[in-house]
Amino acid sequence: MPALAQNKPEKLIYVGDNGPWHYVMVDEVGPAFKKETGIEIDFTLLPVDPWNAKLKAELSAGSDGIDIVQWSVGMAGWISPFMDDHEEVAAKIVKRDPEWDWGDFLGGSKTAATYDGKMAGIPYRVTTGIMHYQKALLEQAGITRLPETFAELEKAVIATNKPPERYGFGVSGKQGPAIFTSFISWLYSCGGRLADFKTGEIFVNDDKAVAGLQFWIDLVVKDKAVPPESMTWEYDEIVAGGQNDKYAMCQTFAPYVTLMNDPKISKTGGKWVSGMVPGRTSKEQGRTWVDGHFLGVPRFSKQKDWAIEFIRMVTDKKWMARSMERGNAPPRGSVLRNPEIVAKFGWPAVAASAIETGIPTPNHPAWLTLQLPLRAGLSQAILGQKTPKQALDDVAADWQRGMRRAGIGKG
């Protein structure tokens, strides 16, 4: 352990979301850090909306009650002013531990951690949405190639749809944060966009966006190929649905298939393969979302040296590789490109390709507010309460008011 200037506290407060990928951090790194330093990591892990609300309330108030902040791409715009410059944090870590190797972190993960020229966190998780399939079910249906277009995917979904035993497709259909990641790849693969946060132009209800939503809800409403209970699913539930053989295929976070493929905890262990999101009419049109989580030290923390030491430890190569065992998607190139890891998990190479052409989650401060009407519109469409066009028109009208209030596009 390095000699640190600050007195040693009894604990450090970590605030983040409660995604299932925290297992190694909480169950292994936290205890290892306490063994080495005597400092306990107090993990406060919350559902997405309460997590955002807690961080916003405490950081806005200048509270020193949080030592390590976990934040995601979409939060960058509002959280950046409350965080230290993490290029400087990285330099401190390298000075303590030259083998930590800041250059090993993917350039895209550093870009995602940056807002308005300032890096506000050290990348811990960078992920994207890709397809996961039970390969044997496709083969039993006579499908020998992973779908590359919407039509091929819908054909595969229908062919493997065997309700109520098993459905063709799984979605995160609850009106919450996961519904965005469950849907948005289909909009992007139709060539759609959300909005231009500089000009104020809104695209979420144009023909391309409507086509993406129509395809997604047709799997539910027209084809009836989605488990009815998936209308209550978010992050944990889409994983559990795959583990319990509730569906044949889905589009979700790339590393979630690690948990679905583990025979110790999954009925379908070893049966899943991963592929790129199909394009609307050609493979090349396929696009998906890119997101990530970062670990940062807030400006107000009184335990910055020790917080940095925990970040150094949890992001080193050893623990980054270990975290893949329990569903994380580390941003280190040496880990994702390791041939043994690629052979074991399958998805890292697919995810790397998807990230190259993927579209990052909006990081403008207004995005936190604009997400809410979009979630509501998607929920109304998937439940059959509104047509895709009606739902997205209503979202666009709400966004127009919200962006005007935020001063977006004025002048």
Protein backbone atom coordinates (compact mmCIF):
# COMPACT_ATOMS: atom_id res chain seq x y z
CA MET A 1 0.00 0.00 0.00
CA PRO A 2 1.25 3.50 -0.80
CA ALA A 3 1.72 6.03 1.95
CA LEU A 4 -1.22 8.40 1.75
CA ALA A 5 -1.32 11.86 3.25
CA GLN A 6 -4.84 11.67 4.61
CA ASN A 7 -5.78 10.07 7.90
CA LYS A 8 -7.42 6.71 7.45
CA PRO A 9 -11.25 6.79 7.74
CA GLU A 10 -13.32 3.87 8.99
CA LYS A 11 -15.30 3.73 5.74
CA LEU A 12 -15.84 5.27 2.34
CA ILE A 13 -19.33 5.93 0.99
CA TYR A 14 -19.99 4.63 -2.53
CA VAL A 15 -23.25 5.55 -4.29
CA GLY A 16 -24.28 3.78 -7.48
CA ASP A 17 -27.05 1.85 -9.18
CA ASN A 18 -28.05 -1.71 -8.27
CA GLY A 19 -27.26 -3.44 -11.57
CA PRO A 20 -26.26 -7.12 -11.28
CA TRP A 21 -22.75 -6.41 -12.60
CA HIS A 22 -21.60 -5.07 -9.19
CA TYR A 23 -21.08 -8.53 -7.70
CA VAL A 24 -17.28 -8.70 -7.93
CA MET A 25 -16.91 -5.09 -6.81
CA VAL A 26 -19.12 -5.61 -3.76
CA ASP A 27 -18.44 -9.24 -2.84
CA GLU A 28 -14.74 -9.43 -3.65
CA VAL A 29 -13.00 -6.10 -4.19
CA GLY A 30 -14.69 -4.39 -1.23
CA PRO A 31 -13.54 -7.07 1.24
CA ALA A 32 -10.07 -7.19 -0.36
CA PHE A 33 -9.76 -3.42 0.00
CA LYS A 34 -10.77 -3.63 3.66
CA LYS A 35 -8.23 -6.40 4.26
CA GLU A 36 -5.44 -4.29 2.77
CA THR A 37 -6.41 -0.92 4.21
CA GLY A 38 -8.75 -1.56 7.11
CA ILE A 39 -11.32 0.71 5.39
CA GLU A 40 -14.82 -0.56 4.70
CA ILE A 41 -16.61 0.41 1.51
CA ASP A 42 -20.21 1.31 2.35
CA PHE A 43 -22.06 0.49 -0.88
CA THR A 44 -25.34 2.36 -1.37
CA LEU A 45 -26.80 0.70 -4.48
CA LEU A 46 -30.16 2.02 -5.66
CA PRO A 47 -32.58 1.58 -8.56
CA VAL A 48 -31.78 3.98 -11.38
CA ASP A 49 -34.20 6.81 -10.60
CA PRO A 50 -33.50 6.98 -6.84
CA TRP A 51 -29.76 6.72 -7.58
CA ASN A 52 -29.97 9.75 -9.90
CA ALA A 53 -32.11 11.65 -7.40
CA LYS A 54 -29.75 10.99 -4.47
CA LEU A 55 -26.66 12.05 -6.39
CA LYS A 56 -28.33 15.17 -7.73
CA ALA A 57 -29.62 16.21 -4.31
CA GLU A 58 -26.38 15.65 -2.41
CA LEU A 59 -23.96 16.97 -5.01
CA SER A 60 -26.09 20.05 -5.71
CA ALA A 61 -26.06 20.78 -1.99
CA GLY A 62 -22.28 20.47 -1.79
CA SER A 63 -22.54 17.52 0.60
CA ASP A 64 -19.33 15.71 1.58
CA GLY A 65 -21.31 12.56 2.37
CA ILE A 66 -20.27 10.69 -0.80
CA ASP A 67 -16.68 9.64 -1.44
CA ILE A 68 -17.04 7.61 -4.64
CA VAL A 69 -19.67 8.44 -7.24
CA GLN A 70 -20.73 5.95 -9.87
CA TRP A 71 -22.34 7.72 -12.81
CA SER A 72 -23.37 6.85 -16.37
CA VAL A 73 -23.03 8.50 -19.79
CA GLY A 74 -26.44 10.17 -19.71
CA MET A 75 -25.56 11.93 -16.45
CA ALA A 76 -22.35 13.57 -17.72
CA GLY A 77 -23.86 16.95 -18.52
CA TRP A 78 -25.14 17.74 -15.06
CA ILE A 79 -22.65 15.81 -12.94
CA SER A 80 -19.42 17.07 -14.51
CA PRO A 81 -19.30 20.40 -12.57
CA PHE A 82 -19.39 18.50 -9.27
CA MET A 83 -16.49 16.15 -10.09
CA ASP A 84 -12.72 16.52 -10.04
CA ASP A 85 -10.79 16.47 -13.32
CA HIS A 86 -10.11 12.77 -13.72
CA GLU A 87 -7.23 13.14 -16.14
CA GLU A 88 -5.50 14.50 -13.04
CA VAL A 89 -6.89 11.62 -10.97
CA ALA A 90 -5.52 9.13 -13.49
CA ALA A 91 -2.13 10.84 -13.34
CA LYS A 92 -2.11 10.44 -9.56
CA ILE A 93 -2.92 6.72 -9.89
CA VAL A 94 -0.13 6.20 -12.45
CA LYS A 95 2.30 7.98 -10.14
CA ARG A 96 1.35 5.58 -7.34
CA ASP A 97 1.20 2.50 -9.57
CA PRO A 98 2.86 2.73 -13.02
CA GLU A 99 1.62 -0.78 -13.87
CA TRP A 100 -1.99 0.39 -13.64
CA ASP A 101 -1.57 1.48 -17.30
CA TRP A 102 -3.94 4.34 -18.19
CA GLY A 103 -3.21 3.71 -21.88
CA ASP A 104 -4.89 0.30 -21.65
CA PHE A 105 -8.32 1.92 -21.23
CA LEU A 106 -10.25 2.09 -24.51
CA GLY A 107 -10.26 5.55 -26.07
CA GLY A 108 -14.03 5.38 -26.55
CA SER A 109 -14.54 4.82 -22.83
CA LYS A 110 -12.50 7.94 -22.04
CA THR A 111 -14.49 9.95 -24.57
CA ALA A 112 -17.73 8.76 -22.98
CA ALA A 113 -16.45 9.93 -19.60
CA THR A 114 -15.83 13.43 -20.94
CA TYR A 115 -18.23 16.35 -21.10
CA ASP A 116 -17.34 19.82 -22.38
CA GLY A 117 -13.64 18.95 -22.41
CA LYS A 118 -13.46 17.60 -18.87
CA MET A 119 -13.13 13.95 -17.88
CA ALA A 120 -15.39 13.43 -14.87
CA GLY A 121 -14.66 9.80 -14.01
CA ILE A 122 -12.48 6.72 -14.56
CA PRO A 123 -14.21 4.16 -16.82
CA TYR A 124 -15.29 1.00 -15.04
CA ARG A 125 -17.91 -0.40 -17.40
CA VAL A 126 -18.50 0.30 -21.08
CA THR A 127 -21.24 -1.64 -22.74
CA THR A 128 -23.60 -1.80 -25.63
CA GLY A 129 -26.73 -3.59 -26.76
CA ILE A 130 -26.26 -6.75 -28.82
CA MET A 131 -28.38 -9.77 -29.69
CA HIS A 132 -28.35 -12.99 -27.67
CA TYR A 133 -29.74 -16.23 -29.11
CA GLN A 134 -30.28 -19.78 -27.94
CA LYS A 135 -28.50 -21.27 -30.94
CA ALA A 136 -30.00 -24.76 -30.71
CA LEU A 137 -33.52 -23.33 -30.87
CA LEU A 138 -32.68 -21.49 -34.08
CA GLU A 139 -31.21 -24.66 -35.58
CA GLN A 140 -34.27 -26.68 -34.59
CA ALA A 141 -36.34 -24.13 -36.51
CA GLY A 142 -34.14 -24.57 -39.57
CA ILE A 143 -32.29 -21.27 -39.12
CA THR A 144 -28.55 -21.76 -39.63
CA ARG A 145 -27.40 -18.12 -39.78
CA LEU A 146 -27.94 -15.41 -37.20
CA PRO A 147 -30.53 -12.89 -38.44
CA GLU A 148 -29.10 -9.86 -40.26
CA THR A 149 -32.29 -7.92 -41.08
CA PHE A 150 -35.56 -7.09 -39.34
CA ALA A 151 -37.44 -9.54 -41.57
CA GLU A 152 -35.02 -12.35 -40.77
CA LEU A 153 -35.22 -11.60 -37.07
CA GLU A 154 -39.03 -11.54 -37.02
CA LYS A 155 -39.05 -14.85 -38.92
CA ALA A 156 -36.73 -16.39 -36.31
CA VAL A 157 -38.80 -14.99 -33.45
CA ILE A 158 -42.01 -16.47 -34.84
CA ALA A 159 -40.33 -19.81 -35.58
CA THR A 160 -39.09 -20.18 -31.99
CA ASN A 161 -42.24 -18.83 -30.33
CA LYS A 162 -43.79 -21.70 -28.33
CA PRO A 163 -46.05 -20.14 -25.69
CA PRO A 164 -46.63 -20.57 -22.87
CA GLU A 165 -43.56 -22.79 -22.43
CA ARG A 166 -41.19 -20.40 -24.13
CA TYR A 167 -41.60 -17.24 -26.19
CA GLY A 168 -39.57 -16.09 -29.16
CA PHE A 169 -38.33 -12.76 -27.83
CA GLY A 170 -37.62 -11.08 -24.50
CA VAL A 171 -37.93 -7.35 -23.76
CA SER A 172 -37.56 -5.03 -20.79
CA GLY A 173 -41.06 -3.64 -21.08
CA LYS A 174 -41.60 -1.91 -17.74
CA GLN A 175 -42.03 1.85 -17.90
CA GLY A 176 -38.65 2.50 -16.38
CA PRO A 177 -35.07 3.18 -17.46
CA ALA A 178 -34.49 -0.24 -19.07
CA ILE A 179 -37.25 0.29 -21.65
CA PHE A 180 -35.00 2.79 -23.47
CA THR A 181 -32.18 0.27 -23.99
CA SER A 182 -34.71 -2.40 -24.97
CA PHE A 183 -36.08 -0.22 -27.77
CA ILE A 184 -33.53 2.27 -29.04
CA SER A 185 -31.45 -0.11 -31.20
CA TRP A 186 -34.45 -0.55 -33.50
CA LEU A 187 -34.77 3.21 -34.01
CA TYR A 188 -31.05 3.53 -34.74
CA SER A 189 -31.11 0.54 -37.13
CA CYS A 190 -33.80 2.32 -39.14
CA GLY A 191 -31.50 5.33 -39.44
CA GLY A 192 -33.44 7.26 -36.80
CA ARG A 193 -32.20 9.90 -34.40
CA LEU A 194 -33.51 11.41 -31.17
CA ALA A 195 -32.73 15.14 -31.22
CA ASP A 196 -30.05 17.73 -31.85
CA PHE A 197 -29.28 19.31 -28.50
CA LYS A 198 -27.52 22.27 -30.12
CA THR A 199 -30.19 23.34 -32.62
CA GLY A 200 -33.26 22.03 -30.79
CA GLU A 201 -34.38 19.91 -33.77
CA ILE A 202 -36.45 16.87 -32.79
CA PHE A 203 -36.38 13.64 -34.81
CA VAL A 204 -37.93 11.16 -32.37
CA ASN A 205 -41.25 11.09 -34.28
CA ASP A 206 -40.03 11.08 -37.89
CA ASP A 207 -40.72 8.18 -40.26
CA LYS A 208 -37.52 6.34 -39.39
CA ALA A 209 -38.19 6.49 -35.66
CA VAL A 210 -41.79 5.36 -36.13
CA ALA A 211 -40.63 2.40 -38.25
CA GLY A 212 -38.27 1.31 -35.47
CA LEU A 213 -41.01 1.46 -32.86
CA GLN A 214 -43.45 -0.32 -35.15
CA PHE A 215 -41.08 -3.26 -35.57
CA TRP A 216 -40.46 -3.53 -31.83
CA ILE A 217 -44.10 -3.43 -30.78
CA ASP A 218 -45.17 -5.79 -33.59
CA LEU A 219 -43.22 -8.52 -31.83
CA VAL A 220 -45.44 -7.92 -28.81
CA VAL A 221 -48.83 -6.85 -30.15
CA LYS A 222 -49.03 -8.50 -33.58
CA ASP A 223 -46.81 -11.58 -33.27
CA LYS A 224 -47.54 -12.15 -29.56
CA ALA A 225 -44.00 -13.50 -29.26
CA VAL A 226 -43.03 -11.81 -25.99
CA PRO A 227 -43.71 -13.19 -22.47
CA PRO A 228 -46.65 -11.25 -20.99
CA GLU A 229 -44.74 -10.85 -17.72
CA SER A 230 -41.95 -8.99 -19.54
CA MET A 231 -44.10 -5.87 -19.35
CA THR A 232 -42.78 -5.73 -15.74
CA TRP A 233 -39.16 -6.54 -16.57
CA GLU A 234 -36.17 -4.27 -16.14
CA TYR A 235 -32.46 -5.15 -15.87
CA ASP A 236 -32.45 -8.05 -13.42
CA GLU A 237 -35.60 -9.55 -14.90
CA ILE A 238 -34.34 -9.76 -18.50
CA VAL A 239 -31.36 -11.74 -17.18
CA ALA A 240 -33.59 -13.97 -15.05
CA GLY A 241 -35.90 -14.54 -18.02
CA GLY A 242 -32.99 -15.82 -20.08
CA GLN A 243 -31.70 -17.95 -17.23
CA ASN A 244 -35.14 -19.53 -16.81
CA ASP A 245 -35.70 -20.25 -20.51
CA LYS A 246 -38.53 -17.74 -20.90
CA TYR A 247 -37.48 -16.68 -24.40
CA ALA A 248 -35.30 -17.77 -27.33
CA MET A 249 -33.59 -14.45 -28.07
CA CYS A 250 -33.32 -10.84 -26.92
CA GLN A 251 -31.43 -7.59 -27.41
CA THR A 252 -29.87 -6.35 -24.18
CA PHE A 253 -26.57 -5.49 -22.52
CA ALA A 254 -23.67 -7.42 -24.02
CA PRO A 255 -22.31 -8.86 -20.74
CA TYR A 256 -25.69 -10.05 -19.49
CA VAL A 257 -25.16 -13.22 -21.54
CA THR A 258 -22.33 -14.14 -19.15
CA LEU A 259 -24.92 -14.63 -16.41
CA MET A 260 -27.35 -16.37 -18.77
CA ASN A 261 -24.63 -18.76 -19.96
CA ASP A 262 -23.40 -19.80 -16.51
CA PRO A 263 -24.68 -23.37 -15.87
CA LYS A 264 -24.29 -22.89 -12.12
CA ILE A 265 -26.99 -20.23 -12.02
CA SER A 266 -28.85 -20.67 -15.32
CA LYS A 267 -31.10 -23.40 -16.73
CA THR A 268 -29.92 -22.36 -20.19
CA GLY A 269 -26.21 -22.21 -19.35
CA GLY A 270 -23.97 -22.79 -22.33
CA LYS A 271 -26.77 -22.42 -24.89
CA TRP A 272 -26.40 -18.74 -25.79
CA VAL A 273 -24.47 -17.07 -28.61
CA SER A 274 -24.23 -13.38 -29.40
CA GLY A 275 -24.48 -11.33 -32.58
CA MET A 276 -24.85 -7.82 -33.93
CA VAL A 277 -28.21 -6.06 -33.94
CA PRO A 278 -29.82 -6.60 -37.38
CA GLY A 279 -30.37 -3.72 -39.79
CA ARG A 280 -33.74 -2.73 -41.14
CA THR A 281 -33.12 -4.17 -44.63
CA SER A 282 -29.38 -4.98 -44.59
CA LYS A 283 -26.76 -6.08 -42.11
CA GLU A 284 -24.79 -2.85 -42.57
CA GLN A 285 -27.69 -0.75 -41.25
CA GLY A 286 -27.52 -2.35 -37.81
CA ARG A 287 -26.80 0.17 -35.06
CA THR A 288 -27.06 0.05 -31.33
CA TRP A 289 -26.56 2.16 -28.25
CA VAL A 290 -23.36 2.66 -26.27
CA ASP A 291 -23.33 3.43 -22.58
CA GLY A 292 -21.07 3.07 -19.62
CA HIS A 293 -20.41 3.68 -15.97
CA PHE A 294 -17.58 5.64 -14.42
CA LEU A 295 -16.16 5.95 -10.93
CA GLY A 296 -15.47 9.47 -9.82
CA VAL A 297 -14.32 11.50 -6.86
CA PRO A 298 -16.61 14.46 -6.08
CA ARG A 299 -15.04 17.83 -5.38
CA PHE A 300 -16.53 17.86 -1.89
CA SER A 301 -15.13 14.54 -0.60
CA LYS A 302 -12.86 14.77 2.42
CA GLN A 303 -11.32 11.37 1.68
CA LYS A 304 -10.08 11.88 -1.88
CA ASP A 305 -6.79 10.02 -1.52
CA TRP A 306 -8.46 6.89 -0.18
CA ALA A 307 -11.29 7.12 -2.71
CA ILE A 308 -8.69 7.26 -5.49
CA GLU A 309 -6.95 4.25 -3.97
CA PHE A 310 -10.17 2.22 -4.14
CA ILE A 311 -10.71 3.29 -7.76
CA ARG A 312 -7.14 2.25 -8.56
CA MET A 313 -7.70 -1.17 -7.06
CA VAL A 314 -11.12 -1.92 -8.53
CA THR A 315 -10.03 -0.88 -12.03
CA ASP A 316 -6.71 -2.73 -12.16
CA LYS A 317 -6.24 -5.49 -14.74
CA LYS A 318 -6.69 -8.37 -12.29
CA TRP A 319 -10.02 -7.23 -10.91
CA MET A 320 -11.25 -6.01 -14.30
CA ALA A 321 -10.70 -9.51 -15.73
CA ARG A 322 -12.34 -11.09 -12.70
CA SER A 323 -15.36 -8.79 -12.98
CA MET A 324 -16.25 -10.32 -16.34
CA GLU A 325 -17.13 -13.55 -14.51
CA ARG A 326 -20.12 -11.80 -12.94
CA GLY A 327 -21.46 -9.70 -15.78
CA ASN A 328 -19.26 -6.60 -16.03
CA ALA A 329 -17.99 -5.15 -19.31
CA PRO A 330 -14.57 -3.71 -18.48
CA PRO A 331 -13.11 -0.89 -20.60
CA ARG A 332 -9.58 -2.31 -20.72
CA GLY A 333 -8.40 -3.35 -24.17
CA SER A 334 -6.06 -6.00 -22.80
CA VAL A 335 -8.99 -7.71 -21.07
CA LEU A 336 -11.50 -7.56 -23.92
CA ARG A 337 -8.96 -8.69 -26.50
CA ASN A 338 -7.53 -11.51 -24.41
CA PRO A 339 -7.98 -14.66 -26.56
CA GLU A 340 -8.85 -16.80 -23.54
CA ILE A 341 -11.53 -14.36 -22.44
CA VAL A 342 -12.94 -14.09 -25.96
CA ALA A 343 -13.06 -17.89 -26.20
CA LYS A 344 -14.74 -18.18 -22.80
CA PHE A 345 -17.38 -15.46 -23.06
CA GLY A 346 -18.00 -15.05 -26.78
CA TRP A 347 -19.52 -11.56 -26.61
CA PRO A 348 -16.46 -9.28 -26.12
CA ALA A 349 -15.52 -9.29 -29.83
CA VAL A 350 -19.15 -8.67 -30.84
CA ALA A 351 -19.44 -5.83 -28.35
CA ALA A 352 -16.23 -4.26 -29.59
CA SER A 353 -17.58 -4.21 -33.14
CA ALA A 354 -20.91 -2.80 -31.99
CA ILE A 355 -19.23 -0.01 -30.04
CA GLU A 356 -17.34 1.09 -33.17
CA THR A 357 -20.59 2.09 -34.93
CA GLY A 358 -22.84 2.54 -31.90
CA ILE A 359 -24.47 5.77 -30.76
CA PRO A 360 -23.76 7.01 -27.21
CA THR A 361 -26.60 7.78 -24.86
CA PRO A 362 -27.32 11.55 -24.89
CA ASN A 363 -25.34 13.32 -22.18
CA HIS A 364 -26.95 16.77 -22.24
CA PRO A 365 -28.32 17.77 -18.80
CA ALA A 366 -31.83 17.97 -20.26
CA TRP A 367 -31.75 14.26 -21.12
CA LEU A 368 -32.71 13.19 -17.59
CA THR A 369 -35.98 15.09 -17.98
CA LEU A 370 -36.62 14.12 -21.61
CA GLN A 371 -36.27 10.42 -20.81
CA LEU A 372 -39.47 10.40 -18.79
CA PRO A 373 -42.00 11.21 -21.55
CA LEU A 374 -40.12 8.86 -23.90
CA ARG A 375 -40.49 6.01 -21.41
CA ALA A 376 -44.18 6.78 -21.10
CA GLY A 377 -44.65 6.86 -24.87
CA LEU A 378 -42.83 3.56 -25.36
CA SER A 379 -44.92 1.96 -22.63
CA GLN A 380 -48.17 3.19 -24.17
CA ALA A 381 -47.15 1.82 -27.56
CA ILE A 382 -45.99 -1.58 -26.32
CA LEU A 383 -49.20 -1.99 -24.30
CA GLY A 384 -51.27 -1.17 -27.39
CA GLN A 385 -52.71 2.00 -25.90
CA LYS A 386 -51.39 4.21 -28.75
CA THR A 387 -50.06 3.64 -32.23
CA PRO A 388 -46.31 4.20 -32.66
CA LYS A 389 -46.97 7.46 -34.50
CA GLN A 390 -49.35 8.75 -31.83
CA ALA A 391 -46.99 7.82 -29.03
CA LEU A 392 -43.92 9.44 -30.60
CA ASP A 393 -45.83 12.55 -31.69
CA ASP A 394 -46.82 13.06 -28.06
CA VAL A 395 -43.20 12.52 -26.97
CA ALA A 396 -42.03 15.08 -29.54
CA ALA A 397 -44.54 17.66 -28.32
CA ASP A 398 -43.39 17.15 -24.74
CA TRP A 399 -39.76 17.37 -25.79
CA GLN A 400 -40.40 20.61 -27.64
CA ARG A 401 -41.71 22.19 -24.45
CA GLY A 402 -38.93 20.70 -22.33
CA MET A 403 -36.15 21.81 -24.65
CA ARG A 404 -37.62 25.29 -24.87
CA ARG A 405 -37.63 25.53 -21.07
CA ALA A 406 -34.02 24.33 -21.02
CA GLY A 407 -33.02 27.02 -23.50
CA ILE A 408 -31.96 24.50 -26.14
CA GLY A 409 -31.87 25.92 -29.65
CA LYS A 410 -32.51 29.52 -28.63
CA GLY A 411 -30.50 32.13 -30.39
